[in-house]
Each structure stands twice: as C-alpha cells, then as structure tokens.
Amino acid sequence: MNITVYTQPDCPPCQVVKQFLTHHEVSFNEVNIKENLKARNHLVNVLQSYSTPTVTVDEHVVKGFDLALLQKLLGFEE
C-alpha cells in the first residue's frame, strides 16, 4: 500500500492525520506543499484538491480531513 500525505505548516488536521497513521503503525510519505512547488502543482492539477491534508492511498484520494474514509480505505474497524 502506497500512502502519501500532502501537508503544510500550521495545519492542525494534518497533524491529526499523521498522528492517526503513526498510531496505527502505517508507513507514509509526507510532502509539504509549501516547500515543494512540484508537489503543490500535482495536488491541484492532478489530484484536483485544494486543501490539506490530502491523502493518497494507492489510487484513492482523500481530500481534506476525513478520518472515516481513511479508516475504510486502510481496512480499519473503529
């Protein structure tokens, strides 16, 4: 499973998503869109998301703060 979390500084929901993934021992790649212009362009133009956190789980895109959808995609029952 390939998971990428698109974040930016001063984003409390980004922190919660990263804590959630870490708590469940799910490995993920973090990409800060403020530091990485190419990633920001990918977020907007390819993933068609305008908010953080945006999480990709393989081919699925979770836009914004949606822990319920993220749990479903990861196969967690909580």
Protein backbone atom coordinates (compact mmCIF):
# COMPACT_ATOMS: atom_id res chain seq x y z
CA MET A 1 0.00 0.00 0.00
CA ASN A 2 1.41 3.39 -1.02
CA ILE A 3 0.31 6.30 1.17
CA THR A 4 1.23 9.94 0.73
CA VAL A 5 0.08 12.76 3.00
CA TYR A 6 0.16 16.25 1.46
CA THR A 7 0.59 18.78 4.28
CA GLN A 8 1.52 22.36 5.01
CA PRO A 9 2.75 24.19 8.12
CA ASP A 10 0.21 25.32 10.72
CA CYS A 11 -2.37 22.74 9.64
CA PRO A 12 -3.88 21.08 12.75
CA PRO A 13 -5.86 18.49 10.71
CA CYS A 14 -2.60 17.49 9.01
CA GLN A 15 -1.09 16.76 12.41
CA VAL A 16 -4.10 14.64 13.41
CA VAL A 17 -3.91 12.55 10.23
CA LYS A 18 -0.17 11.98 10.70
CA GLN A 19 -0.73 11.02 14.35
CA PHE A 20 -3.53 8.65 13.33
CA LEU A 21 -1.32 6.90 10.77
CA THR A 22 1.63 6.74 13.16
CA HIS A 23 -0.57 5.37 15.97
CA HIS A 24 -1.74 2.57 13.65
CA GLU A 25 1.85 1.94 12.53
CA VAL A 26 1.03 2.80 8.93
CA SER A 27 4.05 3.98 6.95
CA PHE A 28 3.50 7.03 4.79
CA ASN A 29 5.35 9.67 2.83
CA GLU A 30 4.80 13.26 3.89
CA VAL A 31 5.01 16.02 1.30
CA ASN A 32 4.96 19.65 2.43
CA ILE A 33 3.32 21.63 -0.37
CA LYS A 34 4.78 24.90 0.91
CA GLU A 35 8.31 23.57 0.42
CA ASN A 36 7.69 21.55 -2.74
CA LEU A 37 6.18 23.51 -5.64
CA LYS A 38 6.05 20.44 -7.89
CA ALA A 39 4.03 18.57 -5.24
CA ARG A 40 1.66 21.54 -4.83
CA ASN A 41 1.06 21.61 -8.58
CA HIS A 42 0.43 17.84 -8.54
CA LEU A 43 -2.04 18.29 -5.67
CA VAL A 44 -4.04 20.93 -7.53
CA ASN A 45 -3.74 19.83 -11.16
CA VAL A 46 -3.67 16.03 -10.92
CA LEU A 47 -5.40 15.21 -7.65
CA GLN A 48 -7.76 18.20 -8.03
CA SER A 49 -7.52 19.02 -4.35
CA TYR A 50 -7.24 22.49 -2.88
CA SER A 51 -6.88 21.63 0.79
CA THR A 52 -4.62 19.86 3.23
CA PRO A 53 -4.43 17.29 4.40
CA THR A 54 -4.92 15.36 1.20
CA VAL A 55 -4.02 11.70 1.48
CA THR A 56 -3.49 9.27 -1.37
CA VAL A 57 -3.95 5.58 -0.62
CA ASP A 58 -2.81 3.83 -3.78
CA GLU A 59 -5.17 5.26 -6.44
CA HIS A 60 -7.70 6.67 -3.94
CA VAL A 61 -7.66 10.33 -2.92
CA VAL A 62 -8.94 11.55 0.45
CA LYS A 63 -9.40 15.32 0.23
CA GLY A 64 -9.40 17.27 3.45
CA PHE A 65 -9.90 15.85 6.92
CA ASP A 66 -11.91 12.63 6.52
CA LEU A 67 -10.76 10.03 9.04
CA ALA A 68 -13.80 7.82 8.38
CA LEU A 69 -12.91 7.43 4.70
CA LEU A 70 -9.25 6.96 5.55
CA GLN A 71 -10.12 4.20 8.03
CA LYS A 72 -12.27 2.49 5.39
CA LEU A 73 -9.51 2.61 2.76
CA LEU A 74 -6.99 1.22 5.25
CA GLY A 75 -9.34 -1.55 6.36
CA PHE A 76 -9.65 -0.39 9.97
CA GLU A 77 -12.76 -1.03 12.03
CA GLU A 78 -13.15 1.57 14.77
